[in-house]
Amino acid sequence: MRYRVFLDTNILISGIFFEGNESKILELTEIDLITSEDVVEEVKKVTIKKLKYLGDRPLEVALSELERALSDIEIIPKVEYIKKMKVANQLINHKKDVPILAAVLAAAPDYFITGDFHFFTETIKSIVTVKNAKEFLSEM
């Protein structure tokens, strides 16, 4: 069985730019990786914000690496999860995470991998299997 695995922003950034559990997840070939348009936008903003001080060339290389990594990941468009925003808003108190949760609800993945503690509530965990990178890898 192939698992559909939704990746949050922090997992993508750590997996693309650093060694560790998150990068190991990105290298797994027996799972289907998915994320959302909002996550991609956030990843790009964080990358630019954190790396712009290094100069144009390193930033260009980082954005190229980001695009290469994202090419192997299914990206759920906003139009597919906008209908889930109202439900997501009722499930999570941290407003910036509402679009992410809405995308997770719309995608209905087997796993939602995140390092953001806002998603580790009993209510959310009763709807979707939420794991951090280490927990997910230990199950695989």
Protein backbone atom coordinates (compact mmCIF):
# COMPACT_ATOMS: atom_id res chain seq x y z
CA MET A 1 0.00 0.00 0.00
CA ARG A 2 1.26 3.45 -0.93
CA TYR A 3 0.60 6.13 1.65
CA ARG A 4 -0.41 9.68 0.79
CA VAL A 5 1.57 11.98 3.06
CA PHE A 6 0.81 15.69 3.46
CA LEU A 7 3.87 17.80 4.35
CA ASP A 8 3.68 21.06 6.27
CA THR A 9 5.95 24.07 5.71
CA ASN A 10 8.46 23.29 8.44
CA ILE A 11 8.93 19.73 7.17
CA LEU A 12 9.58 20.93 3.62
CA ILE A 13 12.06 23.63 4.65
CA SER A 14 13.98 21.29 6.94
CA GLY A 15 13.86 18.47 4.41
CA ILE A 16 15.07 20.54 1.48
CA PHE A 17 17.79 22.57 3.17
CA PHE A 18 19.03 20.40 6.06
CA GLU A 19 19.97 16.80 6.80
CA GLY A 20 17.78 14.86 9.19
CA ASN A 21 14.48 13.04 9.50
CA GLU A 22 12.69 15.52 7.26
CA SER A 23 15.15 15.01 4.39
CA LYS A 24 14.79 11.24 4.80
CA ILE A 25 11.03 11.61 4.30
CA LEU A 26 11.58 13.54 1.06
CA GLU A 27 13.80 10.72 -0.17
CA LEU A 28 11.24 7.95 0.43
CA THR A 29 10.05 6.50 -2.86
CA GLU A 30 7.31 4.28 -1.49
CA ILE A 31 5.02 7.16 -0.46
CA ASP A 32 3.18 9.88 -2.37
CA LEU A 33 4.01 13.34 -1.05
CA ILE A 34 1.41 16.09 -1.16
CA THR A 35 1.19 19.65 0.09
CA SER A 36 -0.90 22.73 -0.62
CA GLU A 37 -0.59 25.93 -2.56
CA ASP A 38 -0.54 27.85 0.74
CA VAL A 39 2.34 25.72 2.05
CA VAL A 40 4.32 26.33 -1.14
CA GLU A 41 3.76 30.09 -0.84
CA GLU A 42 4.86 30.02 2.79
CA VAL A 43 7.95 27.94 1.99
CA LYS A 44 8.98 30.42 -0.70
CA LYS A 45 8.43 33.42 1.61
CA VAL A 46 10.44 31.83 4.44
CA THR A 47 13.25 30.87 2.04
CA ILE A 48 13.50 34.40 0.65
CA LYS A 49 13.29 35.96 4.12
CA LYS A 50 15.97 33.72 5.63
CA LEU A 51 18.38 33.65 2.70
CA LYS A 52 18.11 37.10 1.10
CA TYR A 53 21.02 38.38 3.18
CA LEU A 54 23.34 35.85 1.48
CA GLY A 55 23.08 37.65 -1.84
CA ASP A 56 21.36 37.07 -5.16
CA ARG A 57 23.26 33.97 -6.29
CA PRO A 58 22.80 31.85 -3.13
CA LEU A 59 19.13 32.84 -3.02
CA GLU A 60 18.74 31.88 -6.68
CA VAL A 61 20.36 28.48 -5.97
CA ALA A 62 18.10 27.94 -2.95
CA LEU A 63 14.96 28.80 -4.92
CA SER A 64 16.08 26.47 -7.70
CA GLU A 65 16.60 23.66 -5.18
CA LEU A 66 13.17 24.39 -3.75
CA GLU A 67 11.54 24.17 -7.19
CA ARG A 68 13.34 20.89 -7.90
CA ALA A 69 12.11 19.39 -4.62
CA LEU A 70 8.56 20.59 -5.20
CA SER A 71 8.47 19.01 -8.66
CA ASP A 72 8.12 15.58 -7.01
CA ILE A 73 5.27 16.67 -4.73
CA GLU A 74 1.60 16.92 -5.61
CA ILE A 75 0.42 20.47 -4.84
CA ILE A 76 -3.25 20.83 -3.94
CA PRO A 77 -4.64 24.08 -5.44
CA LYS A 78 -6.53 26.51 -3.19
CA VAL A 79 -9.76 26.00 -5.14
CA GLU A 80 -9.81 22.39 -3.93
CA TYR A 81 -9.67 23.25 -0.23
CA ILE A 82 -11.34 26.65 0.05
CA LYS A 83 -14.61 24.88 0.90
CA LYS A 84 -12.96 23.36 3.99
CA MET A 85 -11.86 26.73 5.44
CA LYS A 86 -14.95 27.13 7.63
CA VAL A 87 -14.54 23.68 9.20
CA ALA A 88 -10.79 24.19 9.65
CA ASN A 89 -11.41 27.54 11.33
CA GLN A 90 -13.53 25.76 13.94
CA LEU A 91 -10.86 23.12 14.58
CA ILE A 92 -7.75 25.23 15.11
CA ASN A 93 -7.19 28.41 17.10
CA HIS A 94 -4.05 29.55 15.29
CA LYS A 95 -5.51 31.47 12.33
CA LYS A 96 -2.47 31.24 10.05
CA ASP A 97 -2.82 27.45 10.16
CA VAL A 98 -6.45 27.43 8.98
CA PRO A 99 -5.61 27.18 5.24
CA ILE A 100 -3.13 24.39 5.93
CA LEU A 101 -5.66 22.40 7.92
CA ALA A 102 -8.30 23.05 5.26
CA ALA A 103 -5.95 21.59 2.64
CA VAL A 104 -5.27 18.58 4.83
CA LEU A 105 -9.00 18.01 5.28
CA ALA A 106 -9.59 18.27 1.52
CA ALA A 107 -6.67 16.01 0.62
CA ALA A 108 -7.58 13.37 3.24
CA PRO A 109 -4.01 12.01 3.45
CA ASP A 110 -3.00 8.88 5.32
CA TYR A 111 -0.55 11.02 7.32
CA PHE A 112 -0.08 14.71 8.03
CA ILE A 113 3.56 15.40 8.91
CA THR A 114 4.27 18.62 10.77
CA GLY A 115 6.43 20.06 13.51
CA ASP A 116 3.81 22.67 14.40
CA PHE A 117 2.32 21.84 17.81
CA HIS A 118 -0.94 23.65 16.95
CA PHE A 119 -1.99 20.62 14.92
CA PHE A 120 -1.42 18.07 17.69
CA THR A 121 -4.80 18.47 19.38
CA GLU A 122 -7.03 15.52 20.16
CA THR A 123 -9.74 16.94 17.90
CA ILE A 124 -7.46 17.20 14.87
CA LYS A 125 -5.81 13.86 15.61
CA SER A 126 -9.26 12.26 15.63
CA ILE A 127 -9.75 13.41 12.02
CA VAL A 128 -6.28 12.88 10.52
CA THR A 129 -3.16 10.99 11.60
CA VAL A 130 -0.77 13.77 12.66
CA LYS A 131 2.87 12.88 13.22
CA ASN A 132 6.19 14.65 13.49
CA ALA A 133 9.00 13.48 11.21
CA LYS A 134 10.62 11.18 13.75
CA GLU A 135 7.32 9.49 14.65
CA PHE A 136 6.45 8.99 11.00
CA LEU A 137 9.81 7.43 10.14
CA SER A 138 9.61 5.06 13.11
CA GLU A 139 6.25 3.81 11.75
CA MET A 140 7.60 3.34 8.25
